[in-house]
């Protein structure tokens, strides 16, 4: 079963990365009317949440470059940024490498109890595998937002 989860994670990440092919740095920062975030924010947010949900909740050290929590954590938005966020190429490089790190770190640990269980609505996540499953759903939601933004800004 663990191989299936990791394959799904790779599939979801591939869809995310494919969704931003041909997006320029300028387009990555456009915030469509009526919204509060950009394509760049959504990509950074996907990365940041996976680091928190996969690594931090399992008691592992997340790989969050300086500034990521201020730029991309839940509740943040580009209008509040006071420093330059990472380039699109840097975000894509981090996203590409993240799934391999998750697979390598948690290959035989999906049933491991989380160091920090979390309840969101009616769901409580208690194992690494539960957090990863939810993270894929979360990533899919944000990938769809990216696709919608692309249609709105073109």
C-alpha atoms as a PDB file:
ATOM      1  CA  UNK A   1       0.000   0.000   0.000  1.00  0.00           C
ATOM      2  CA  UNK A   2       2.846   2.401   0.737  1.00  0.00           C
ATOM      3  CA  UNK A   3       4.067   2.190  -2.858  1.00  0.00           C
ATOM      4  CA  UNK A   4       0.587   3.192  -4.047  1.00  0.00           C
ATOM      5  CA  UNK A   5       0.603   6.290  -1.828  1.00  0.00           C
ATOM      6  CA  UNK A   6       4.051   7.327  -3.038  1.00  0.00           C
ATOM      7  CA  UNK A   7       3.024   6.751  -6.660  1.00  0.00           C
ATOM      8  CA  UNK A   8      -0.060   8.907  -6.107  1.00  0.00           C
ATOM      9  CA  UNK A   9       2.129  11.589  -4.555  1.00  0.00           C
ATOM     10  CA  UNK A  10       4.389  11.511  -7.633  1.00  0.00           C
ATOM     11  CA  UNK A  11       1.325  11.713  -9.891  1.00  0.00           C
ATOM     12  CA  UNK A  12      -0.128  14.688  -7.996  1.00  0.00           C
ATOM     13  CA  UNK A  13       3.211  16.498  -8.025  1.00  0.00           C
ATOM     14  CA  UNK A  14       3.644  15.857 -11.725  1.00  0.00           C
ATOM     15  CA  UNK A  15       0.235  17.417 -12.365  1.00  0.00           C
ATOM     16  CA  UNK A  16       1.164  20.433 -10.259  1.00  0.00           C
ATOM     17  CA  UNK A  17       4.429  20.988 -12.085  1.00  0.00           C
ATOM     18  CA  UNK A  18       2.793  20.448 -15.468  1.00  0.00           C
ATOM     19  CA  UNK A  19       0.146  23.043 -14.573  1.00  0.00           C
ATOM     20  CA  UNK A  20       2.772  25.796 -14.488  1.00  0.00           C
ATOM     21  CA  UNK A  21       4.600  24.968 -17.704  1.00  0.00           C
ATOM     22  CA  UNK A  22       4.939  28.173 -19.710  1.00  0.00           C
ATOM     23  CA  UNK A  23       3.960  30.404 -16.760  1.00  0.00           C
ATOM     24  CA  UNK A  24       6.273  33.422 -16.632  1.00  0.00           C
ATOM     25  CA  UNK A  25       7.665  35.090 -13.510  1.00  0.00           C
ATOM     26  CA  UNK A  26       5.315  38.011 -14.155  1.00  0.00           C
ATOM     27  CA  UNK A  27       2.255  35.760 -14.570  1.00  0.00           C
ATOM     28  CA  UNK A  28       3.188  33.859 -11.404  1.00  0.00           C
ATOM     29  CA  UNK A  29       2.590  37.048  -9.396  1.00  0.00           C
ATOM     30  CA  UNK A  30      -0.728  38.159 -10.877  1.00  0.00           C
ATOM     31  CA  UNK A  31      -3.556  38.013  -8.372  1.00  0.00           C
ATOM     32  CA  UNK A  32      -6.861  37.673 -10.220  1.00  0.00           C
ATOM     33  CA  UNK A  33      -9.584  40.097  -9.216  1.00  0.00           C
ATOM     34  CA  UNK A  34     -11.536  38.814  -6.230  1.00  0.00           C
ATOM     35  CA  UNK A  35      -8.683  36.570  -5.006  1.00  0.00           C
ATOM     36  CA  UNK A  36      -5.902  37.117  -2.476  1.00  0.00           C
ATOM     37  CA  UNK A  37      -3.137  34.859  -3.770  1.00  0.00           C
ATOM     38  CA  UNK A  38      -1.077  34.161  -6.871  1.00  0.00           C
ATOM     39  CA  UNK A  39       0.300  31.152  -8.702  1.00  0.00           C
ATOM     40  CA  UNK A  40       3.651  31.678  -6.941  1.00  0.00           C
ATOM     41  CA  UNK A  41       1.925  31.703  -3.544  1.00  0.00           C
ATOM     42  CA  UNK A  42       0.008  28.492  -4.350  1.00  0.00           C
ATOM     43  CA  UNK A  43       3.200  26.671  -5.379  1.00  0.00           C
ATOM     44  CA  UNK A  44       5.053  27.794  -2.273  1.00  0.00           C
ATOM     45  CA  UNK A  45       2.067  26.914  -0.117  1.00  0.00           C
ATOM     46  CA  UNK A  46       1.886  23.380  -1.542  1.00  0.00           C
ATOM     47  CA  UNK A  47       5.577  22.896  -0.750  1.00  0.00           C
ATOM     48  CA  UNK A  48       5.300  24.391   2.741  1.00  0.00           C
ATOM     49  CA  UNK A  49       2.265  22.340   3.756  1.00  0.00           C
ATOM     50  CA  UNK A  50       3.918  19.112   2.584  1.00  0.00           C
ATOM     51  CA  UNK A  51       6.971  19.954   4.691  1.00  0.00           C
ATOM     52  CA  UNK A  52       4.787  20.597   7.713  1.00  0.00           C
ATOM     53  CA  UNK A  53       2.470  17.617   7.209  1.00  0.00           C
ATOM     54  CA  UNK A  54       5.060  15.052   6.118  1.00  0.00           C
ATOM     55  CA  UNK A  55       8.132  15.993   8.083  1.00  0.00           C
ATOM     56  CA  UNK A  56       7.256  18.225  11.042  1.00  0.00           C
ATOM     57  CA  UNK A  57       4.269  16.146  12.164  1.00  0.00           C
ATOM     58  CA  UNK A  58       6.462  13.014  12.130  1.00  0.00           C
ATOM     59  CA  UNK A  59       9.082  14.694  14.303  1.00  0.00           C
ATOM     60  CA  UNK A  60      11.488  15.113  11.368  1.00  0.00           C
ATOM     61  CA  UNK A  61      13.194  18.388  10.487  1.00  0.00           C
ATOM     62  CA  UNK A  62      11.302  20.087   7.648  1.00  0.00           C
ATOM     63  CA  UNK A  63      13.310  21.679   4.851  1.00  0.00           C
ATOM     64  CA  UNK A  64      11.819  25.163   4.815  1.00  0.00           C
ATOM     65  CA  UNK A  65      14.130  27.802   3.394  1.00  0.00           C
ATOM     66  CA  UNK A  66      14.240  31.109   5.211  1.00  0.00           C
ATOM     67  CA  UNK A  67      11.098  33.151   4.627  1.00  0.00           C
ATOM     68  CA  UNK A  68       8.844  30.297   3.554  1.00  0.00           C
ATOM     69  CA  UNK A  69       6.609  30.427   6.614  1.00  0.00           C
ATOM     70  CA  UNK A  70       6.168  34.201   6.225  1.00  0.00           C
ATOM     71  CA  UNK A  71       5.412  33.918   2.515  1.00  0.00           C
ATOM     72  CA  UNK A  72       3.500  30.654   2.178  1.00  0.00           C
ATOM     73  CA  UNK A  73       1.999  29.440   5.472  1.00  0.00           C
ATOM     74  CA  UNK A  74      -1.771  29.180   5.767  1.00  0.00           C
ATOM     75  CA  UNK A  75      -3.256  32.658   6.131  1.00  0.00           C
ATOM     76  CA  UNK A  76      -0.425  34.497   4.375  1.00  0.00           C
ATOM     77  CA  UNK A  77      -0.819  36.469   1.166  1.00  0.00           C
ATOM     78  CA  UNK A  78       1.450  38.314  -1.272  1.00  0.00           C
ATOM     79  CA  UNK A  79      -0.007  41.697  -0.270  1.00  0.00           C
ATOM     80  CA  UNK A  80       1.724  41.250   3.096  1.00  0.00           C
ATOM     81  CA  UNK A  81       5.147  40.256   1.728  1.00  0.00           C
ATOM     82  CA  UNK A  82       7.953  42.604   2.724  1.00  0.00           C
ATOM     83  CA  UNK A  83      10.785  40.657   1.082  1.00  0.00           C
ATOM     84  CA  UNK A  84      11.295  39.098  -2.327  1.00  0.00           C
ATOM     85  CA  UNK A  85       9.898  35.536  -2.545  1.00  0.00           C
ATOM     86  CA  UNK A  86      11.797  32.779  -4.356  1.00  0.00           C
ATOM     87  CA  UNK A  87      11.932  32.629  -8.129  1.00  0.00           C
ATOM     88  CA  UNK A  88       9.570  30.287  -9.914  1.00  0.00           C
ATOM     89  CA  UNK A  89      12.529  28.104 -10.905  1.00  0.00           C
ATOM     90  CA  UNK A  90      13.563  27.733  -7.245  1.00  0.00           C
ATOM     91  CA  UNK A  91      10.039  26.744  -6.210  1.00  0.00           C
ATOM     92  CA  UNK A  92       9.865  24.173  -9.001  1.00  0.00           C
ATOM     93  CA  UNK A  93      13.252  22.725  -8.032  1.00  0.00           C
ATOM     94  CA  UNK A  94      12.112  22.374  -4.416  1.00  0.00           C
ATOM     95  CA  UNK A  95       8.819  20.787  -5.475  1.00  0.00           C
ATOM     96  CA  UNK A  96      10.592  18.307  -7.770  1.00  0.00           C
ATOM     97  CA  UNK A  97      12.944  17.160  -5.029  1.00  0.00           C
ATOM     98  CA  UNK A  98      10.381  17.023  -2.248  1.00  0.00           C
ATOM     99  CA  UNK A  99       8.560  13.860  -3.291  1.00  0.00           C
ATOM    100  CA  UNK A 100      11.811  11.876  -3.450  1.00  0.00           C
ATOM    101  CA  UNK A 101      12.730  13.077   0.048  1.00  0.00           C
ATOM    102  CA  UNK A 102       9.292  12.092   1.333  1.00  0.00           C
ATOM    103  CA  UNK A 103       9.559   8.630  -0.253  1.00  0.00           C
ATOM    104  CA  UNK A 104      13.098   8.116   1.080  1.00  0.00           C
ATOM    105  CA  UNK A 105      12.269   9.299   4.602  1.00  0.00           C
ATOM    106  CA  UNK A 106       8.942   7.528   5.023  1.00  0.00           C
ATOM    107  CA  UNK A 107       9.281   4.393   2.863  1.00  0.00           C
ATOM    108  CA  UNK A 108       8.461   2.070   5.766  1.00  0.00           C
ATOM    109  CA  UNK A 109       6.905   4.562   8.151  1.00  0.00           C
ATOM    110  CA  UNK A 110       3.422   5.394   6.847  1.00  0.00           C
ATOM    111  CA  UNK A 111       1.801   3.720   9.863  1.00  0.00           C
ATOM    112  CA  UNK A 112       4.024   5.608  12.290  1.00  0.00           C
ATOM    113  CA  UNK A 113       2.089   7.685  14.798  1.00  0.00           C
ATOM    114  CA  UNK A 114       2.463  11.388  14.302  1.00  0.00           C
ATOM    115  CA  UNK A 115       4.381  13.426  16.841  1.00  0.00           C
ATOM    116  CA  UNK A 116       1.689  16.095  16.393  1.00  0.00           C
ATOM    117  CA  UNK A 117      -1.796  14.719  15.562  1.00  0.00           C
ATOM    118  CA  UNK A 118      -4.070  17.303  13.974  1.00  0.00           C
ATOM    119  CA  UNK A 119      -7.827  17.674  13.704  1.00  0.00           C
ATOM    120  CA  UNK A 120      -9.295  19.526  10.729  1.00  0.00           C
ATOM    121  CA  UNK A 121     -13.064  19.573  10.812  1.00  0.00           C
ATOM    122  CA  UNK A 122     -14.309  16.029  11.423  1.00  0.00           C
ATOM    123  CA  UNK A 123     -10.955  14.427  10.511  1.00  0.00           C
ATOM    124  CA  UNK A 124      -8.077  13.669  12.851  1.00  0.00           C
ATOM    125  CA  UNK A 125      -4.726  12.795  11.298  1.00  0.00           C
ATOM    126  CA  UNK A 126      -2.679  10.515  13.514  1.00  0.00           C
ATOM    127  CA  UNK A 127      -0.212   8.751  11.213  1.00  0.00           C
ATOM    128  CA  UNK A 128       2.298   9.809   8.598  1.00  0.00           C
ATOM    129  CA  UNK A 129       0.210   8.085   5.917  1.00  0.00           C
ATOM    130  CA  UNK A 130      -2.939   9.970   6.953  1.00  0.00           C
ATOM    131  CA  UNK A 131      -1.091  13.282   6.705  1.00  0.00           C
ATOM    132  CA  UNK A 132       0.324  12.359   3.283  1.00  0.00           C
ATOM    133  CA  UNK A 133      -3.097  11.335   1.984  1.00  0.00           C
ATOM    134  CA  UNK A 134      -4.591  14.637   3.085  1.00  0.00           C
ATOM    135  CA  UNK A 135      -1.627  16.547   1.641  1.00  0.00           C
ATOM    136  CA  UNK A 136      -2.362  15.058  -1.786  1.00  0.00           C
ATOM    137  CA  UNK A 137      -5.964  16.238  -1.569  1.00  0.00           C
ATOM    138  CA  UNK A 138      -4.701  19.659  -0.473  1.00  0.00           C
ATOM    139  CA  UNK A 139      -2.226  19.780  -3.364  1.00  0.00           C
ATOM    140  CA  UNK A 140      -4.942  18.856  -5.851  1.00  0.00           C
ATOM    141  CA  UNK A 141      -7.129  21.707  -4.603  1.00  0.00           C
ATOM    142  CA  UNK A 142      -4.322  24.211  -5.051  1.00  0.00           C
ATOM    143  CA  UNK A 143      -3.359  22.809  -8.447  1.00  0.00           C
ATOM    144  CA  UNK A 144      -6.929  23.395  -9.605  1.00  0.00           C
ATOM    145  CA  UNK A 145      -6.712  26.959  -8.289  1.00  0.00           C
ATOM    146  CA  UNK A 146      -3.510  27.439 -10.303  1.00  0.00           C
ATOM    147  CA  UNK A 147      -5.277  26.174 -13.436  1.00  0.00           C
ATOM    148  CA  UNK A 148      -8.182  28.556 -12.816  1.00  0.00           C
ATOM    149  CA  UNK A 149      -5.789  31.478 -12.284  1.00  0.00           C
ATOM    150  CA  UNK A 150      -4.070  30.672 -15.576  1.00  0.00           C
ATOM    151  CA  UNK A 151      -7.388  30.934 -17.397  1.00  0.00           C
ATOM    152  CA  UNK A 152      -8.193  34.217 -15.670  1.00  0.00           C
ATOM    153  CA  UNK A 153      -4.852  35.878 -16.422  1.00  0.00           C
ATOM    154  CA  UNK A 154      -4.373  34.788 -20.044  1.00  0.00           C
END
